Amino acid sequence: MARIAGVEVPNNKRVEISLTYIFGIGRSKSRAILELVKVDYHKKVKDLNADELSRIRKHIETEEMVEGDLRKRVNQDIKRLMDINNYRGRRHKRGLPVRGQRTKTNARTRKGPRGSMIKKKK
């Protein structure tokens, strides 16, 4: 297993797919990175030589915001929304859907399990 940005990427998959195991890198960004560092995205990770692996690692660590830094940034953005008390921030505070979904029915993922309405008689 190759280690890139603190994440073990699988050896037996193509490089393009393996890079998506890193938080903040999807398929399109993965392909763009590989084109920039001039590595064939059809190769498997186990077939990469040390030079290609180090070029990928160096580019991701210097140019891209991934893993811990990105998670921290996202949490700070959510906290900022909650502090300025705008609509999205209030939805985050209450644990309700943020992006305009309906809440009369559904939304159980955000709201949690239903509370019991009435107790059953014995």
C-alpha atoms as a PDB file:
ATOM      1  CA  MET A   1       0.000   0.000   0.000  1.00  0.00           C
ATOM      2  CA  ALA A   2       1.330   3.406  -1.001  1.00  0.00           C
ATOM      3  CA  ARG A   3       0.942   6.235   1.496  1.00  0.00           C
ATOM      4  CA  ILE A   4      -0.108   9.609   0.061  1.00  0.00           C
ATOM      5  CA  ALA A   5      -1.180  12.563   2.251  1.00  0.00           C
ATOM      6  CA  GLY A   6      -1.416  10.281   5.280  1.00  0.00           C
ATOM      7  CA  VAL A   7      -3.779   7.833   3.554  1.00  0.00           C
ATOM      8  CA  GLU A   8      -3.035   4.276   2.472  1.00  0.00           C
ATOM      9  CA  VAL A   9      -4.174   4.030  -1.157  1.00  0.00           C
ATOM     10  CA  PRO A  10      -4.918   0.512  -2.494  1.00  0.00           C
ATOM     11  CA  ASN A  11      -2.226  -1.078  -4.678  1.00  0.00           C
ATOM     12  CA  ASN A  12      -4.429  -3.248  -6.862  1.00  0.00           C
ATOM     13  CA  LYS A  13      -6.537  -0.410  -8.315  1.00  0.00           C
ATOM     14  CA  ARG A  14      -5.802   2.116 -11.038  1.00  0.00           C
ATOM     15  CA  VAL A  15      -4.066   5.289  -9.849  1.00  0.00           C
ATOM     16  CA  GLU A  16      -7.027   7.433 -10.894  1.00  0.00           C
ATOM     17  CA  ILE A  17      -9.354   5.458  -8.599  1.00  0.00           C
ATOM     18  CA  SER A  18      -6.850   5.009  -5.770  1.00  0.00           C
ATOM     19  CA  LEU A  19      -6.370   8.768  -5.365  1.00  0.00           C
ATOM     20  CA  THR A  20     -10.096   9.168  -4.666  1.00  0.00           C
ATOM     21  CA  TYR A  21      -9.532   7.429  -1.305  1.00  0.00           C
ATOM     22  CA  ILE A  22      -8.023  10.751  -0.168  1.00  0.00           C
ATOM     23  CA  PHE A  23     -10.606  13.146   1.299  1.00  0.00           C
ATOM     24  CA  GLY A  24     -10.959  16.105  -1.065  1.00  0.00           C
ATOM     25  CA  ILE A  25      -9.944  14.320  -4.271  1.00  0.00           C
ATOM     26  CA  GLY A  26     -12.587  13.017  -6.660  1.00  0.00           C
ATOM     27  CA  ARG A  27     -12.327  11.482 -10.115  1.00  0.00           C
ATOM     28  CA  SER A  28     -11.922  14.736 -12.054  1.00  0.00           C
ATOM     29  CA  LYS A  29      -9.340  16.219  -9.679  1.00  0.00           C
ATOM     30  CA  SER A  30      -7.502  12.897  -9.632  1.00  0.00           C
ATOM     31  CA  ARG A  31      -7.258  12.845 -13.421  1.00  0.00           C
ATOM     32  CA  ALA A  32      -6.160  16.514 -13.500  1.00  0.00           C
ATOM     33  CA  ILE A  33      -3.379  15.816 -10.973  1.00  0.00           C
ATOM     34  CA  LEU A  34      -2.141  12.817 -12.965  1.00  0.00           C
ATOM     35  CA  GLU A  35      -2.075  14.843 -16.194  1.00  0.00           C
ATOM     36  CA  LEU A  36      -0.147  17.622 -14.447  1.00  0.00           C
ATOM     37  CA  VAL A  37       2.534  15.286 -13.069  1.00  0.00           C
ATOM     38  CA  LYS A  38       2.566  13.292 -16.337  1.00  0.00           C
ATOM     39  CA  VAL A  39       1.581   9.878 -15.008  1.00  0.00           C
ATOM     40  CA  ASP A  40      -0.624   7.482 -16.990  1.00  0.00           C
ATOM     41  CA  TYR A  41      -3.916   7.110 -15.107  1.00  0.00           C
ATOM     42  CA  HIS A  42      -4.477   3.585 -16.459  1.00  0.00           C
ATOM     43  CA  LYS A  43      -1.488   2.255 -14.490  1.00  0.00           C
ATOM     44  CA  LYS A  44      -2.062   0.427 -11.247  1.00  0.00           C
ATOM     45  CA  VAL A  45      -0.503   1.809  -8.078  1.00  0.00           C
ATOM     46  CA  LYS A  46       1.719  -1.265  -7.651  1.00  0.00           C
ATOM     47  CA  ASP A  47       3.180  -0.639 -11.137  1.00  0.00           C
ATOM     48  CA  LEU A  48       4.260   2.953 -10.366  1.00  0.00           C
ATOM     49  CA  ASN A  49       7.948   3.547  -9.864  1.00  0.00           C
ATOM     50  CA  ALA A  50       9.332   5.577  -6.957  1.00  0.00           C
ATOM     51  CA  ASP A  51       9.787   8.724  -9.067  1.00  0.00           C
ATOM     52  CA  GLU A  52       6.158   8.797 -10.258  1.00  0.00           C
ATOM     53  CA  LEU A  53       4.879   8.152  -6.738  1.00  0.00           C
ATOM     54  CA  SER A  54       7.022  10.920  -5.281  1.00  0.00           C
ATOM     55  CA  ARG A  55       5.835  13.410  -7.962  1.00  0.00           C
ATOM     56  CA  ILE A  56       2.202  12.618  -7.142  1.00  0.00           C
ATOM     57  CA  ARG A  57       2.860  12.848  -3.393  1.00  0.00           C
ATOM     58  CA  LYS A  58       4.746  16.157  -3.716  1.00  0.00           C
ATOM     59  CA  HIS A  59       2.024  17.760  -5.865  1.00  0.00           C
ATOM     60  CA  ILE A  60      -0.806  16.723  -3.536  1.00  0.00           C
ATOM     61  CA  GLU A  61       1.022  17.849  -0.380  1.00  0.00           C
ATOM     62  CA  THR A  62       2.052  21.243  -1.796  1.00  0.00           C
ATOM     63  CA  GLU A  63      -0.742  22.267  -4.184  1.00  0.00           C
ATOM     64  CA  GLU A  64      -3.964  20.605  -2.994  1.00  0.00           C
ATOM     65  CA  MET A  65      -5.963  21.102   0.206  1.00  0.00           C
ATOM     66  CA  VAL A  66      -6.837  17.591   1.368  1.00  0.00           C
ATOM     67  CA  GLU A  67      -7.589  15.508   4.478  1.00  0.00           C
ATOM     68  CA  GLY A  68      -7.113  17.295   7.826  1.00  0.00           C
ATOM     69  CA  ASP A  69      -6.726  20.836   6.474  1.00  0.00           C
ATOM     70  CA  LEU A  70      -9.836  20.496   4.309  1.00  0.00           C
ATOM     71  CA  ARG A  71     -11.913  18.963   7.119  1.00  0.00           C
ATOM     72  CA  LYS A  72     -10.834  21.801   9.420  1.00  0.00           C
ATOM     73  CA  ARG A  73     -11.741  24.396   6.774  1.00  0.00           C
ATOM     74  CA  VAL A  74     -15.216  22.876   6.221  1.00  0.00           C
ATOM     75  CA  ASN A  75     -15.902  22.813   9.984  1.00  0.00           C
ATOM     76  CA  GLN A  76     -14.748  26.436  10.321  1.00  0.00           C
ATOM     77  CA  ASP A  77     -17.049  27.464   7.458  1.00  0.00           C
ATOM     78  CA  ILE A  78     -20.027  25.769   9.145  1.00  0.00           C
ATOM     79  CA  LYS A  79     -19.133  27.358  12.497  1.00  0.00           C
ATOM     80  CA  ARG A  80     -18.901  30.791  10.822  1.00  0.00           C
ATOM     81  CA  LEU A  81     -22.383  30.341   9.344  1.00  0.00           C
ATOM     82  CA  MET A  82     -23.699  29.440  12.789  1.00  0.00           C
ATOM     83  CA  ASP A  83     -21.969  32.443  14.415  1.00  0.00           C
ATOM     84  CA  ILE A  84     -23.384  34.998  11.969  1.00  0.00           C
ATOM     85  CA  ASN A  85     -26.780  33.355  12.493  1.00  0.00           C
ATOM     86  CA  ASN A  86     -27.898  33.266   8.893  1.00  0.00           C
ATOM     87  CA  TYR A  87     -30.477  30.793   7.574  1.00  0.00           C
ATOM     88  CA  ARG A  88     -28.016  28.000   6.752  1.00  0.00           C
ATOM     89  CA  GLY A  89     -26.312  28.432  10.122  1.00  0.00           C
ATOM     90  CA  ARG A  90     -29.615  28.161  11.977  1.00  0.00           C
ATOM     91  CA  ARG A  91     -30.452  24.958  10.063  1.00  0.00           C
ATOM     92  CA  HIS A  92     -27.061  23.503  11.054  1.00  0.00           C
ATOM     93  CA  LYS A  93     -27.685  24.437  14.712  1.00  0.00           C
ATOM     94  CA  ARG A  94     -31.091  22.766  14.763  1.00  0.00           C
ATOM     95  CA  GLY A  95     -29.881  19.675  12.912  1.00  0.00           C
ATOM     96  CA  LEU A  96     -32.312  20.144  10.023  1.00  0.00           C
ATOM     97  CA  PRO A  97     -31.665  19.826   6.279  1.00  0.00           C
ATOM     98  CA  VAL A  98     -29.667  22.808   5.036  1.00  0.00           C
ATOM     99  CA  ARG A  99     -30.207  22.781   1.296  1.00  0.00           C
ATOM    100  CA  GLY A 100     -33.935  23.283   0.920  1.00  0.00           C
ATOM    101  CA  GLN A 101     -35.195  19.729   1.242  1.00  0.00           C
ATOM    102  CA  ARG A 102     -38.697  19.081   2.559  1.00  0.00           C
ATOM    103  CA  THR A 103     -39.081  18.234   6.232  1.00  0.00           C
ATOM    104  CA  LYS A 104     -42.784  17.410   6.631  1.00  0.00           C
ATOM    105  CA  THR A 105     -41.969  13.875   5.538  1.00  0.00           C
ATOM    106  CA  ASN A 106     -38.511  12.349   5.089  1.00  0.00           C
ATOM    107  CA  ALA A 107     -35.411  14.174   6.442  1.00  0.00           C
ATOM    108  CA  ARG A 108     -34.975  11.342   8.965  1.00  0.00           C
ATOM    109  CA  THR A 109     -31.234  11.230   8.390  1.00  0.00           C
ATOM    110  CA  ARG A 110     -30.787  14.803   9.650  1.00  0.00           C
ATOM    111  CA  LYS A 111     -33.582  14.804  12.238  1.00  0.00           C
ATOM    112  CA  GLY A 112     -32.884  11.380  13.728  1.00  0.00           C
ATOM    113  CA  PRO A 113     -35.370   8.645  14.581  1.00  0.00           C
ATOM    114  CA  ARG A 114     -39.006   9.567  15.201  1.00  0.00           C
ATOM    115  CA  GLY A 115     -40.016  10.230  18.787  1.00  0.00           C
ATOM    116  CA  SER A 116     -42.857   8.097  20.077  1.00  0.00           C
ATOM    117  CA  MET A 117     -46.087  10.106  19.999  1.00  0.00           C
ATOM    118  CA  ILE A 118     -48.326   8.159  22.355  1.00  0.00           C
ATOM    119  CA  LYS A 119     -47.719   5.383  24.816  1.00  0.00           C
ATOM    120  CA  LYS A 120     -49.497   2.103  24.145  1.00  0.00           C
ATOM    121  CA  LYS A 121     -51.957   0.811  26.727  1.00  0.00           C
ATOM    122  CA  LYS A 122     -51.373  -2.615  28.208  1.00  0.00           C
END
